[in-house]
Amino acid sequence: MAKQNKSGGLVYSTEFGRACPECSQPINECRCGEPQVPAGDGIVRVSRESKGRGGKVVTLVTGVPLVGPELKTLAKELKQKCGVGGALKDGIIEIQGDQRDLLAAELTKRGFTVRKSGG
């Protein structure tokens, strides 16, 4: 016997018990909640941007193949290395100021394939 929720997703089966409403897999086999490493070409891009920031320049680091706490730790260490502030938004590391050269060297030293992009 299988029970379904209002949207038609499986929530319980007598075969294996509780099921994930998103993937219909048994709860102990579900991988929906785990962060996924973003698919990309394996190249970390370091670029500079000033649009929509009142003329202030930030350096963006995109394509880093890390997720969750690892990405947050990397962002913190890069900000400390540059001696400036910044943020982590939607998997993109923002560092205040034009720090492309310093960041490219640091990321290369950490084993990433790095390319400078943009102006």
PDB file of N, CA and C in Angstrom:
ATOM      1  N   MET A   1       0.849  -1.183   0.000  1.00  0.00           N
ATOM      2  CA  MET A   1       0.000   0.000   0.000  1.00  0.00           C
ATOM      3  C   MET A   1       0.890   1.240   0.000  1.00  0.00           C
ATOM      4  N   ALA A   2       0.535   2.218  -0.789  1.00  0.00           N
ATOM      5  CA  ALA A   2       1.312   3.451  -0.877  1.00  0.00           C
ATOM      6  C   ALA A   2       0.404   4.636  -0.594  1.00  0.00           C
ATOM      7  N   LYS A   3       0.908   5.570   0.202  1.00  0.00           N
ATOM      8  CA  LYS A   3       0.171   6.806   0.472  1.00  0.00           C
ATOM      9  C   LYS A   3       0.804   7.916  -0.335  1.00  0.00           C
ATOM     10  N   GLN A   4      -0.037   8.836  -0.827  1.00  0.00           N
ATOM     11  CA  GLN A   4       0.461   9.961  -1.603  1.00  0.00           C
ATOM     12  C   GLN A   4       0.011  11.259  -0.963  1.00  0.00           C
ATOM     13  N   ASN A   5       0.838  12.314  -1.155  1.00  0.00           N
ATOM     14  CA  ASN A   5       0.442  13.619  -0.617  1.00  0.00           C
ATOM     15  C   ASN A   5      -0.489  14.316  -1.606  1.00  0.00           C
ATOM     16  N   LYS A   6      -0.918  15.529  -1.309  1.00  0.00           N
ATOM     17  CA  LYS A   6      -1.891  16.260  -2.126  1.00  0.00           C
ATOM     18  C   LYS A   6      -1.417  16.486  -3.560  1.00  0.00           C
ATOM     19  N   SER A   7      -0.107  16.654  -3.757  1.00  0.00           N
ATOM     20  CA  SER A   7       0.396  16.914  -5.103  1.00  0.00           C
ATOM     21  C   SER A   7       0.692  15.625  -5.867  1.00  0.00           C
ATOM     22  N   GLY A   8       0.373  14.469  -5.271  1.00  0.00           N
ATOM     23  CA  GLY A   8       0.543  13.209  -5.970  1.00  0.00           C
ATOM     24  C   GLY A   8       1.870  12.521  -5.713  1.00  0.00           C
ATOM     25  N   GLY A   9       2.725  13.108  -4.874  1.00  0.00           N
ATOM     26  CA  GLY A   9       4.018  12.506  -4.579  1.00  0.00           C
ATOM     27  C   GLY A   9       3.906  11.419  -3.521  1.00  0.00           C
ATOM     28  N   LEU A  10       4.709  10.393  -3.644  1.00  0.00           N
ATOM     29  CA  LEU A  10       4.719   9.283  -2.703  1.00  0.00           C
ATOM     30  C   LEU A  10       5.337   9.725  -1.375  1.00  0.00           C
ATOM     31  N   VAL A  11       4.674   9.441  -0.251  1.00  0.00           N
ATOM     32  CA  VAL A  11       5.209   9.789   1.060  1.00  0.00           C
ATOM     33  C   VAL A  11       5.404   8.576   1.958  1.00  0.00           C
ATOM     34  N   TYR A  12       4.743   7.444   1.642  1.00  0.00           N
ATOM     35  CA  TYR A  12       4.890   6.239   2.450  1.00  0.00           C
ATOM     36  C   TYR A  12       4.603   5.025   1.578  1.00  0.00           C
ATOM     37  N   SER A  13       5.394   3.994   1.771  1.00  0.00           N
ATOM     38  CA  SER A  13       5.176   2.740   1.069  1.00  0.00           C
ATOM     39  C   SER A  13       5.356   1.608   2.068  1.00  0.00           C
ATOM     40  N   THR A  14       4.501   0.584   2.002  1.00  0.00           N
ATOM     41  CA  THR A  14       4.658  -0.561   2.904  1.00  0.00           C
ATOM     42  C   THR A  14       5.906  -1.353   2.549  1.00  0.00           C
ATOM     43  N   GLU A  15       6.417  -1.155   1.359  1.00  0.00           N
ATOM     44  CA  GLU A  15       7.622  -1.861   0.931  1.00  0.00           C
ATOM     45  C   GLU A  15       8.866  -1.373   1.662  1.00  0.00           C
ATOM     46  N   PHE A  16       9.010  -0.043   1.810  1.00  0.00           N
ATOM     47  CA  PHE A  16      10.215   0.493   2.441  1.00  0.00           C
ATOM     48  C   PHE A  16       9.949   1.575   3.472  1.00  0.00           C
ATOM     49  N   GLY A  17       8.721   1.913   3.784  1.00  0.00           N
ATOM     50  CA  GLY A  17       8.413   2.908   4.814  1.00  0.00           C
ATOM     51  C   GLY A  17       8.307   4.315   4.241  1.00  0.00           C
ATOM     52  N   ARG A  18       8.805   5.294   5.014  1.00  0.00           N
ATOM     53  CA  ARG A  18       8.680   6.702   4.609  1.00  0.00           C
ATOM     54  C   ARG A  18       9.512   6.985   3.376  1.00  0.00           C
ATOM     55  N   ALA A  19       8.955   7.852   2.510  1.00  0.00           N
ATOM     56  CA  ALA A  19       9.628   8.202   1.258  1.00  0.00           C
ATOM     57  C   ALA A  19       9.774   9.711   1.154  1.00  0.00           C
ATOM     58  N   CYS A  20      10.785  10.130   0.445  1.00  0.00           N
ATOM     59  CA  CYS A  20      10.996  11.556   0.190  1.00  0.00           C
ATOM     60  C   CYS A  20       9.904  12.040  -0.762  1.00  0.00           C
ATOM     61  N   PRO A  21       9.226  13.146  -0.436  1.00  0.00           N
ATOM     62  CA  PRO A  21       8.163  13.633  -1.322  1.00  0.00           C
ATOM     63  C   PRO A  21       8.689  14.180  -2.652  1.00  0.00           C
ATOM     64  N   GLU A  22       9.963  14.505  -2.729  1.00  0.00           N
ATOM     65  CA  GLU A  22      10.501  15.061  -3.975  1.00  0.00           C
ATOM     66  C   GLU A  22      10.956  13.988  -4.950  1.00  0.00           C
ATOM     67  N   CYS A  23      11.737  12.998  -4.453  1.00  0.00           N
ATOM     68  CA  CYS A  23      12.308  11.999  -5.363  1.00  0.00           C
ATOM     69  C   CYS A  23      11.662  10.622  -5.210  1.00  0.00           C
ATOM     70  N   SER A  24      10.773  10.437  -4.244  1.00  0.00           N
ATOM     71  CA  SER A  24      10.074   9.182  -3.970  1.00  0.00           C
ATOM     72  C   SER A  24      11.000   8.035  -3.590  1.00  0.00           C
ATOM     73  N   GLN A  25      12.215   8.338  -3.183  1.00  0.00           N
ATOM     74  CA  GLN A  25      13.157   7.330  -2.708  1.00  0.00           C
ATOM     75  C   GLN A  25      12.949   7.144  -1.208  1.00  0.00           C
ATOM     76  N   PRO A  26      13.369   5.972  -0.665  1.00  0.00           N
ATOM     77  CA  PRO A  26      13.303   5.812   0.798  1.00  0.00           C
ATOM     78  C   PRO A  26      14.098   6.925   1.482  1.00  0.00           C
ATOM     79  N   ILE A  27      13.641   7.392   2.633  1.00  0.00           N
ATOM     80  CA  ILE A  27      14.263   8.515   3.337  1.00  0.00           C
ATOM     81  C   ILE A  27      15.757   8.285   3.564  1.00  0.00           C
ATOM     82  N   ASN A  28      16.155   7.066   3.899  1.00  0.00           N
ATOM     83  CA  ASN A  28      17.578   6.822   4.171  1.00  0.00           C
ATOM     84  C   ASN A  28      18.432   6.767   2.903  1.00  0.00           C
ATOM     85  N   GLU A  29      17.819   6.735   1.717  1.00  0.00           N
ATOM     86  CA  GLU A  29      18.559   6.743   0.450  1.00  0.00           C
ATOM     87  C   GLU A  29      18.422   8.063  -0.297  1.00  0.00           C
ATOM     88  N   CYS A  30      17.614   8.980   0.224  1.00  0.00           N
ATOM     89  CA  CYS A  30      17.358  10.261  -0.446  1.00  0.00           C
ATOM     90  C   CYS A  30      18.606  11.139  -0.443  1.00  0.00           C
ATOM     91  N   ARG A  31      18.885  11.797  -1.554  1.00  0.00           N
ATOM     92  CA  ARG A  31      20.031  12.701  -1.682  1.00  0.00           C
ATOM     93  C   ARG A  31      19.592  14.121  -2.058  1.00  0.00           C
ATOM     94  N   CYS A  32      18.298  14.427  -1.897  1.00  0.00           N
ATOM     95  CA  CYS A  32      17.772  15.739  -2.274  1.00  0.00           C
ATOM     96  C   CYS A  32      18.373  16.882  -1.459  1.00  0.00           C
ATOM     97  N   GLY A  33      18.566  16.676  -0.158  1.00  0.00           N
ATOM     98  CA  GLY A  33      19.025  17.743   0.721  1.00  0.00           C
ATOM     99  C   GLY A  33      20.518  18.002   0.686  1.00  0.00           C
ATOM    100  N   GLU A  34      21.282  17.110   0.051  1.00  0.00           N
ATOM    101  CA  GLU A  34      22.727  17.283   0.023  1.00  0.00           C
ATOM    102  C   GLU A  34      23.115  18.328  -1.015  1.00  0.00           C
ATOM    103  N   PRO A  35      24.044  19.206  -0.673  1.00  0.00           N
ATOM    104  CA  PRO A  35      24.463  20.204  -1.653  1.00  0.00           C
ATOM    105  C   PRO A  35      25.190  19.539  -2.810  1.00  0.00           C
ATOM    106  N   GLN A  36      24.904  20.004  -4.010  1.00  0.00           N
ATOM    107  CA  GLN A  36      25.507  19.462  -5.219  1.00  0.00           C
ATOM    108  C   GLN A  36      26.635  20.367  -5.684  1.00  0.00           C
ATOM    109  N   VAL A  37      27.753  19.767  -6.085  1.00  0.00           N
ATOM    110  CA  VAL A  37      28.856  20.541  -6.646  1.00  0.00           C
ATOM    111  C   VAL A  37      28.388  21.072  -7.992  1.00  0.00           C
ATOM    112  N   PRO A  38      28.501  22.377  -8.218  1.00  0.00           N
ATOM    113  CA  PRO A  38      28.019  22.938  -9.473  1.00  0.00           C
ATOM    114  C   PRO A  38      28.766  22.356 -10.666  1.00  0.00           C
ATOM    115  N   ALA A  39      27.995  21.998 -11.700  1.00  0.00           N
ATOM    116  CA  ALA A  39      28.616  21.474 -12.912  1.00  0.00           C
ATOM    117  C   ALA A  39      29.242  22.639 -13.673  1.00  0.00           C
ATOM    118  N   GLY A  40      30.426  22.458 -14.141  1.00  0.00           N
ATOM    119  CA  GLY A  40      31.103  23.510 -14.886  1.00  0.00           C
ATOM    120  C   GLY A  40      32.264  22.921 -15.644  1.00  0.00           C
ATOM    121  N   ASP A  41      33.103  23.783 -16.167  1.00  0.00           N
ATOM    122  CA  ASP A  41      34.227  23.318 -16.960  1.00  0.00           C
ATOM    123  C   ASP A  41      35.492  23.147 -16.139  1.00  0.00           C
ATOM    124  N   GLY A  42      35.408  23.333 -14.814  1.00  0.00           N
ATOM    125  CA  GLY A  42      36.560  23.124 -13.947  1.00  0.00           C
ATOM    126  C   GLY A  42      37.512  24.304 -13.877  1.00  0.00           C
ATOM    127  N   ILE A  43      37.119  25.434 -14.442  1.00  0.00           N
ATOM    128  CA  ILE A  43      37.974  26.624 -14.446  1.00  0.00           C
ATOM    129  C   ILE A  43      37.367  27.667 -13.514  1.00  0.00           C
ATOM    130  N   VAL A  44      38.184  28.167 -12.592  1.00  0.00           N
ATOM    131  CA  VAL A  44      37.751  29.241 -11.686  1.00  0.00           C
ATOM    132  C   VAL A  44      38.036  30.556 -12.399  1.00  0.00           C
ATOM    133  N   ARG A  45      37.020  31.396 -12.519  1.00  0.00           N
ATOM    134  CA  ARG A  45      37.182  32.679 -13.213  1.00  0.00           C
ATOM    135  C   ARG A  45      37.194  33.822 -12.212  1.00  0.00           C
ATOM    136  N   VAL A  46      38.177  34.695 -12.381  1.00  0.00           N
ATOM    137  CA  VAL A  46      38.332  35.864 -11.513  1.00  0.00           C
ATOM    138  C   VAL A  46      38.097  37.088 -12.386  1.00  0.00           C
ATOM    139  N   SER A  47      37.061  37.862 -12.061  1.00  0.00           N
ATOM    140  CA  SER A  47      36.729  39.030 -12.878  1.00  0.00           C
ATOM    141  C   SER A  47      36.471  40.249 -12.002  1.00  0.00           C
ATOM    142  N   ARG A  48      36.409  41.400 -12.660  1.00  0.00           N
ATOM    143  CA  ARG A  48      36.193  42.668 -11.973  1.00  0.00           C
ATOM    144  C   ARG A  48      34.865  43.237 -12.432  1.00  0.00           C
ATOM    145  N   GLU A  49      34.122  43.849 -11.507  1.00  0.00           N
ATOM    146  CA  GLU A  49      32.817  44.409 -11.853  1.00  0.00           C
ATOM    147  C   GLU A  49      32.556  45.667 -11.040  1.00  0.00           C
ATOM    148  N   SER A  50      31.881  46.640 -11.666  1.00  0.00           N
ATOM    149  CA  SER A  50      31.508  47.844 -10.931  1.00  0.00           C
ATOM    150  C   SER A  50      30.076  48.290 -11.233  1.00  0.00           C
ATOM    151  N   LYS A  51      29.395  47.586 -12.110  1.00  0.00           N
ATOM    152  CA  LYS A  51      28.031  47.963 -12.477  1.00  0.00           C
ATOM    153  C   LYS A  51      27.081  47.803 -11.298  1.00  0.00           C
ATOM    154  N   GLY A  52      26.229  48.806 -11.082  1.00  0.00           N
ATOM    155  CA  GLY A  52      25.223  48.738 -10.038  1.00  0.00           C
ATOM    156  C   GLY A  52      25.770  48.829  -8.632  1.00  0.00           C
ATOM    157  N   ARG A  53      26.989  49.303  -8.498  1.00  0.00           N
ATOM    158  CA  ARG A  53      27.614  49.379  -7.182  1.00  0.00           C
ATOM    159  C   ARG A  53      28.074  50.800  -6.864  1.00  0.00           C
ATOM    160  N   GLY A  54      27.502  51.759  -7.530  1.00  0.00           N
ATOM    161  CA  GLY A  54      27.856  53.149  -7.267  1.00  0.00           C
ATOM    162  C   GLY A  54      29.292  53.474  -7.640  1.00  0.00           C
ATOM    163  N   GLY A  55      29.829  52.805  -8.646  1.00  0.00           N
ATOM    164  CA  GLY A  55      31.191  53.058  -9.082  1.00  0.00           C
ATOM    165  C   GLY A  55      32.253  52.290  -8.308  1.00  0.00           C
ATOM    166  N   LYS A  56      31.842  51.608  -7.252  1.00  0.00           N
ATOM    167  CA  LYS A  56      32.811  50.836  -6.464  1.00  0.00           C
ATOM    168  C   LYS A  56      33.115  49.511  -7.176  1.00  0.00           C
ATOM    169  N   VAL A  57      34.361  49.124  -7.157  1.00  0.00           N
ATOM    170  CA  VAL A  57      34.807  47.926  -7.856  1.00  0.00           C
ATOM    171  C   VAL A  57      34.834  46.735  -6.908  1.00  0.00           C
ATOM    172  N   VAL A  58      34.370  45.574  -7.393  1.00  0.00           N
ATOM    173  CA  VAL A  58      34.499  44.322  -6.658  1.00  0.00           C
ATOM    174  C   VAL A  58      35.115  43.286  -7.587  1.00  0.00           C
ATOM    175  N   THR A  59      35.775  42.321  -6.999  1.00  0.00           N
ATOM    176  CA  THR A  59      36.332  41.210  -7.752  1.00  0.00           C
ATOM    177  C   THR A  59      35.440  40.006  -7.509  1.00  0.00           C
ATOM    178  N   LEU A  60      35.012  39.352  -8.586  1.00  0.00           N
ATOM    179  CA  LEU A  60      34.137  38.192  -8.495  1.00  0.00           C
ATOM    180  C   LEU A  60      34.926  36.920  -8.782  1.00  0.00           C
ATOM    181  N   VAL A  61      34.712  35.905  -7.963  1.00  0.00           N
ATOM    182  CA  VAL A  61      35.337  34.600  -8.161  1.00  0.00           C
ATOM    183  C   VAL A  61      34.200  33.616  -8.420  1.00  0.00           C
ATOM    184  N   THR A  62      34.127  33.080  -9.641  1.00  0.00           N
ATOM    185  CA  THR A  62      33.054  32.169 -10.024  1.00  0.00           C
ATOM    186  C   THR A  62      33.629  30.829 -10.470  1.00  0.00           C
ATOM    187  N   GLY A  63      32.780  29.803 -10.450  1.00  0.00           N
ATOM    188  CA  GLY A  63      33.174  28.491 -10.929  1.00  0.00           C
ATOM    189  C   GLY A  63      33.976  27.661  -9.948  1.00  0.00           C
ATOM    190  N   VAL A  64      33.964  28.028  -8.674  1.00  0.00           N
ATOM    191  CA  VAL A  64      34.716  27.265  -7.670  1.00  0.00           C
ATOM    192  C   VAL A  64      33.962  25.949  -7.410  1.00  0.00           C
ATOM    193  N   PRO A  65      34.625  24.801  -7.592  1.00  0.00           N
ATOM    194  CA  PRO A  65      33.941  23.517  -7.431  1.00  0.00           C
ATOM    195  C   PRO A  65      33.801  23.076  -5.972  1.00  0.00           C
ATOM    196  N   LEU A  66      33.313  23.956  -5.117  1.00  0.00           N
ATOM    197  CA  LEU A  66      33.084  23.645  -3.710  1.00  0.00           C
ATOM    198  C   LEU A  66      31.659  24.048  -3.357  1.00  0.00           C
ATOM    199  N   VAL A  67      31.125  23.470  -2.294  1.00  0.00           N
ATOM    200  CA  VAL A  67      29.783  23.828  -1.836  1.00  0.00           C
ATOM    201  C   VAL A  67      29.767  23.951  -0.317  1.00  0.00           C
ATOM    202  N   GLY A  68      28.726  24.576   0.188  1.00  0.00           N
ATOM    203  CA  GLY A  68      28.483  24.654   1.623  1.00  0.00           C
ATOM    204  C   GLY A  68      29.606  25.271   2.434  1.00  0.00           C
ATOM    205  N   PRO A  69      29.958  24.620   3.546  1.00  0.00           N
ATOM    206  CA  PRO A  69      30.951  25.181   4.457  1.00  0.00           C
ATOM    207  C   PRO A  69      32.344  25.327   3.835  1.00  0.00           C
ATOM    208  N   GLU A  70      32.683  24.438   2.881  1.00  0.00           N
ATOM    209  CA  GLU A  70      34.001  24.533   2.242  1.00  0.00           C
ATOM    210  C   GLU A  70      34.127  25.830   1.445  1.00  0.00           C
ATOM    211  N   LEU A  71      33.060  26.177   0.712  1.00  0.00           N
ATOM    212  CA  LEU A  71      33.067  27.410  -0.073  1.00  0.00           C
ATOM    213  C   LEU A  71      33.090  28.625   0.844  1.00  0.00           C
ATOM    214  N   LYS A  72      32.343  28.561   1.938  1.00  0.00           N
ATOM    215  CA  LYS A  72      32.302  29.657   2.905  1.00  0.00           C
ATOM    216  C   LYS A  72      33.677  29.875   3.536  1.00  0.00           C
ATOM    217  N   THR A  73      34.356  28.789   3.862  1.00  0.00           N
ATOM    218  CA  THR A  73      35.701  28.878   4.436  1.00  0.00           C
ATOM    219  C   THR A  73      36.685  29.483   3.438  1.00  0.00           C
ATOM    220  N   LEU A  74      36.599  29.049   2.174  1.00  0.00           N
ATOM    221  CA  LEU A  74      37.477  29.597   1.141  1.00  0.00           C
ATOM    222  C   LEU A  74      37.245  31.099   0.986  1.00  0.00           C
ATOM    223  N   ALA A  75      35.988  31.529   0.972  1.00  0.00           N
ATOM    224  CA  ALA A  75      35.672  32.952   0.843  1.00  0.00           C
ATOM    225  C   ALA A  75      36.277  33.743   2.000  1.00  0.00           C
ATOM    226  N   LYS A  76      36.149  33.218   3.195  1.00  0.00           N
ATOM    227  CA  LYS A  76      36.698  33.898   4.372  1.00  0.00           C
ATOM    228  C   LYS A  76      38.218  34.017   4.276  1.00  0.00           C
ATOM    229  N   GLU A  77      38.879  32.935   3.866  1.00  0.00           N
ATOM    230  CA  GLU A  77      40.344  32.953   3.759  1.00  0.00           C
ATOM    231  C   GLU A  77      40.819  33.909   2.661  1.00  0.00           C
ATOM    232  N   LEU A  78      40.080  33.988   1.559  1.00  0.00           N
ATOM    233  CA  LEU A  78      40.456  34.912   0.481  1.00  0.00           C
ATOM    234  C   LEU A  78      40.286  36.365   0.920  1.00  0.00           C
ATOM    235  N   LYS A  79      39.227  36.646   1.660  1.00  0.00           N
ATOM    236  CA  LYS A  79      39.031  38.005   2.179  1.00  0.00           C
ATOM    237  C   LYS A  79      40.161  38.382   3.130  1.00  0.00           C
ATOM    238  N   GLN A  80      40.561  37.442   3.991  1.00  0.00           N
ATOM    239  CA  GLN A  80      41.655  37.709   4.925  1.00  0.00           C
ATOM    240  C   GLN A  80      42.968  37.916   4.181  1.00  0.00           C
ATOM    241  N   LYS A  81      43.191  37.136   3.138  1.00  0.00           N
ATOM    242  CA  LYS A  81      44.422  37.251   2.358  1.00  0.00           C
ATOM    243  C   LYS A  81      44.522  38.636   1.710  1.00  0.00           C
ATOM    244  N   CYS A  82      43.386  39.156   1.243  1.00  0.00           N
ATOM    245  CA  CYS A  82      43.364  40.477   0.595  1.00  0.00           C
ATOM    246  C   CYS A  82      43.283  41.613   1.611  1.00  0.00           C
ATOM    247  N   GLY A  83      42.856  41.311   2.827  1.00  0.00           N
ATOM    248  CA  GLY A  83      42.725  42.340   3.848  1.00  0.00           C
ATOM    249  C   GLY A  83      41.540  43.258   3.631  1.00  0.00           C
ATOM    250  N   VAL A  84      40.493  42.731   2.988  1.00  0.00           N
ATOM    251  CA  VAL A  84      39.307  43.539   2.696  1.00  0.00           C
ATOM    252  C   VAL A  84      38.053  42.736   3.034  1.00  0.00           C
ATOM    253  N   GLY A  85      36.914  43.362   2.868  1.00  0.00           N
ATOM    254  CA  GLY A  85      35.643  42.691   3.105  1.00  0.00           C
ATOM    255  C   GLY A  85      35.137  42.046   1.842  1.00  0.00           C
ATOM    256  N   GLY A  86      33.995  41.442   1.951  1.00  0.00           N
ATOM    257  CA  GLY A  86      33.396  40.794   0.799  1.00  0.00           C
ATOM    258  C   GLY A  86      32.169  40.012   1.214  1.00  0.00           C
ATOM    259  N   ALA A  87      31.685  39.178   0.287  1.00  0.00           N
ATOM    260  CA  ALA A  87      30.479  38.405   0.554  1.00  0.00           C
ATOM    261  C   ALA A  87      30.481  37.141  -0.292  1.00  0.00           C
ATOM    262  N   LEU A  88      29.608  36.217   0.094  1.00  0.00           N
ATOM    263  CA  LEU A  88      29.379  35.004  -0.672  1.00  0.00           C
ATOM    264  C   LEU A  88      27.906  35.002  -1.047  1.00  0.00           C
ATOM    265  N   LYS A  89      27.606  35.137  -2.333  1.00  0.00           N
ATOM    266  CA  LYS A  89      26.221  35.205  -2.794  1.00  0.00           C
ATOM    267  C   LYS A  89      26.004  34.212  -3.919  1.00  0.00           C
ATOM    268  N   ASP A  90      25.100  33.260  -3.717  1.00  0.00           N
ATOM    269  CA  ASP A  90      24.737  32.275  -4.740  1.00  0.00           C
ATOM    270  C   ASP A  90      25.936  31.567  -5.345  1.00  0.00           C
ATOM    271  N   GLY A  91      26.899  31.194  -4.525  1.00  0.00           N
ATOM    272  CA  GLY A  91      28.066  30.460  -5.003  1.00  0.00           C
ATOM    273  C   GLY A  91      29.129  31.324  -5.653  1.00  0.00           C
ATOM    274  N   ILE A  92      28.940  32.653  -5.636  1.00  0.00           N
ATOM    275  CA  ILE A  92      29.915  33.588  -6.206  1.00  0.00           C
ATOM    276  C   ILE A  92      30.565  34.345  -5.055  1.00  0.00           C
ATOM    277  N   ILE A  93      31.884  34.339  -5.034  1.00  0.00           N
ATOM    278  CA  ILE A  93      32.617  35.048  -3.982  1.00  0.00           C
ATOM    279  C   ILE A  93      32.875  36.471  -4.467  1.00  0.00           C
ATOM    280  N   GLU A  94      32.453  37.459  -3.678  1.00  0.00           N
ATOM    281  CA  GLU A  94      32.687  38.867  -3.995  1.00  0.00           C
ATOM    282  C   GLU A  94      33.725  39.408  -3.017  1.00  0.00           C
ATOM    283  N   ILE A  95      34.780  40.016  -3.556  1.00  0.00           N
ATOM    284  CA  ILE A  95      35.837  40.614  -2.744  1.00  0.00           C
ATOM    285  C   ILE A  95      35.899  42.095  -3.097  1.00  0.00           C
ATOM    286  N   GLN A  96      35.941  42.966  -2.100  1.00  0.00           N
ATOM    287  CA  GLN A  96      35.967  44.408  -2.356  1.00  0.00           C
ATOM    288  C   GLN A  96      37.275  44.824  -3.012  1.00  0.00           C
ATOM    289  N   GLY A  97      37.170  45.719  -3.992  1.00  0.00           N
ATOM    290  CA  GLY A  97      38.348  46.250  -4.666  1.00  0.00           C
ATOM    291  C   GLY A  97      38.801  45.369  -5.820  1.00  0.00           C
ATOM    292  N   ASP A  98      39.798  45.861  -6.549  1.00  0.00           N
ATOM    293  CA  ASP A  98      40.359  45.108  -7.669  1.00  0.00           C
ATOM    294  C   ASP A  98      41.498  44.232  -7.145  1.00  0.00           C
ATOM    295  N   GLN A  99      41.200  42.980  -6.869  1.00  0.00           N
ATOM    296  CA  GLN A  99      42.151  42.051  -6.259  1.00  0.00           C
ATOM    297  C   GLN A  99      42.463  40.875  -7.185  1.00  0.00           C
ATOM    298  N   ARG A 100      42.273  41.047  -8.506  1.00  0.00           N
ATOM    299  CA  ARG A 100      42.398  39.920  -9.439  1.00  0.00           C
ATOM    300  C   ARG A 100      43.752  39.227  -9.383  1.00  0.00           C
ATOM    301  N   ASP A 101      44.834  39.988  -9.406  1.00  0.00           N
ATOM    302  CA  ASP A 101      46.167  39.380  -9.431  1.00  0.00           C
ATOM    303  C   ASP A 101      46.438  38.558  -8.175  1.00  0.00           C
ATOM    304  N   LEU A 102      46.122  39.136  -7.028  1.00  0.00           N
ATOM    305  CA  LEU A 102      46.357  38.452  -5.753  1.00  0.00           C
ATOM    306  C   LEU A 102      45.496  37.187  -5.637  1.00  0.00           C
ATOM    307  N   LEU A 103      44.229  37.290  -6.035  1.00  0.00           N
ATOM    308  CA  LEU A 103      43.327  36.142  -5.934  1.00  0.00           C
ATOM    309  C   LEU A 103      43.719  35.043  -6.915  1.00  0.00           C
ATOM    310  N   ALA A 104      44.092  35.419  -8.134  1.00  0.00           N
ATOM    311  CA  ALA A 104      44.495  34.420  -9.130  1.00  0.00           C
ATOM    312  C   ALA A 104      45.720  33.647  -8.629  1.00  0.00           C
ATOM    313  N   ALA A 105      46.685  34.349  -8.056  1.00  0.00           N
ATOM    314  CA  ALA A 105      47.886  33.692  -7.541  1.00  0.00           C
ATOM    315  C   ALA A 105      47.542  32.768  -6.373  1.00  0.00           C
ATOM    316  N   GLU A 106      46.698  33.222  -5.468  1.00  0.00           N
ATOM    317  CA  GLU A 106      46.325  32.418  -4.300  1.00  0.00           C
ATOM    318  C   GLU A 106      45.544  31.170  -4.710  1.00  0.00           C
ATOM    319  N   LEU A 107      44.601  31.315  -5.629  1.00  0.00           N
ATOM    320  CA  LEU A 107      43.801  30.167  -6.056  1.00  0.00           C
ATOM    321  C   LEU A 107      44.641  29.160  -6.840  1.00  0.00           C
ATOM    322  N   THR A 108      45.587  29.642  -7.627  1.00  0.00           N
ATOM    323  CA  THR A 108      46.490  28.748  -8.349  1.00  0.00           C
ATOM    324  C   THR A 108      47.345  27.965  -7.361  1.00  0.00           C
ATOM    325  N   LYS A 109      47.803  28.656  -6.312  1.00  0.00           N
ATOM    326  CA  LYS A 109      48.607  28.011  -5.277  1.00  0.00           C
ATOM    327  C   LYS A 109      47.813  26.907  -4.565  1.00  0.00           C
ATOM    328  N   ARG A 110      46.491  27.077  -4.482  1.00  0.00           N
ATOM    329  CA  ARG A 110      45.628  26.090  -3.827  1.00  0.00           C
ATOM    330  C   ARG A 110      45.222  24.950  -4.764  1.00  0.00           C
ATOM    331  N   GLY A 111      45.699  24.996  -6.010  1.00  0.00           N
ATOM    332  CA  GLY A 111      45.463  23.879  -6.929  1.00  0.00           C
ATOM    333  C   GLY A 111      44.323  24.046  -7.906  1.00  0.00           C
ATOM    334  N   PHE A 112      43.710  25.221  -7.977  1.00  0.00           N
ATOM    335  CA  PHE A 112      42.638  25.456  -8.928  1.00  0.00           C
ATOM    336  C   PHE A 112      43.203  25.937 -10.266  1.00  0.00           C
ATOM    337  N   THR A 113      42.492  25.629 -11.358  1.00  0.00           N
ATOM    338  CA  THR A 113      42.831  26.188 -12.664  1.00  0.00           C
ATOM    339  C   THR A 113      42.133  27.538 -12.743  1.00  0.00           C
ATOM    340  N   VAL A 114      42.904  28.608 -12.904  1.00  0.00           N
ATOM    341  CA  VAL A 114      42.359  29.971 -12.785  1.00  0.00           C
ATOM    342  C   VAL A 114      42.540  30.721 -14.094  1.00  0.00           C
ATOM    343  N   ARG A 115      41.502  31.512 -14.447  1.00  0.00           N
ATOM    344  CA  ARG A 115      41.589  32.416 -15.598  1.00  0.00           C
ATOM    345  C   ARG A 115      41.044  33.768 -15.186  1.00  0.00           C
ATOM    346  N   LYS A 116      41.729  34.800 -15.621  1.00  0.00           N
ATOM    347  CA  LYS A 116      41.190  36.155 -15.428  1.00  0.00           C
ATOM    348  C   LYS A 116      40.229  36.412 -16.563  1.00  0.00           C
ATOM    349  N   SER A 117      39.079  37.016 -16.246  1.00  0.00           N
ATOM    350  CA  SER A 117      38.102  37.315 -17.290  1.00  0.00           C
ATOM    351  C   SER A 117      37.544  38.697 -17.046  1.00  0.00           C
ATOM    352  N   GLY A 118      36.988  39.291 -18.081  1.00  0.00           N
ATOM    353  CA  GLY A 118      36.395  40.616 -17.970  1.00  0.00           C
ATOM    354  C   GLY A 118      37.442  41.712 -17.974  1.00  0.00           C
ATOM    355  N   GLY A 119      36.979  42.965 -17.829  1.00  0.00           N
ATOM    356  CA  GLY A 119      37.825  44.141 -17.914  1.00  0.00           C
ATOM    357  C   GLY A 119      38.787  44.239 -16.859  1.00  0.00           C
TER     358      GLY A 119
END
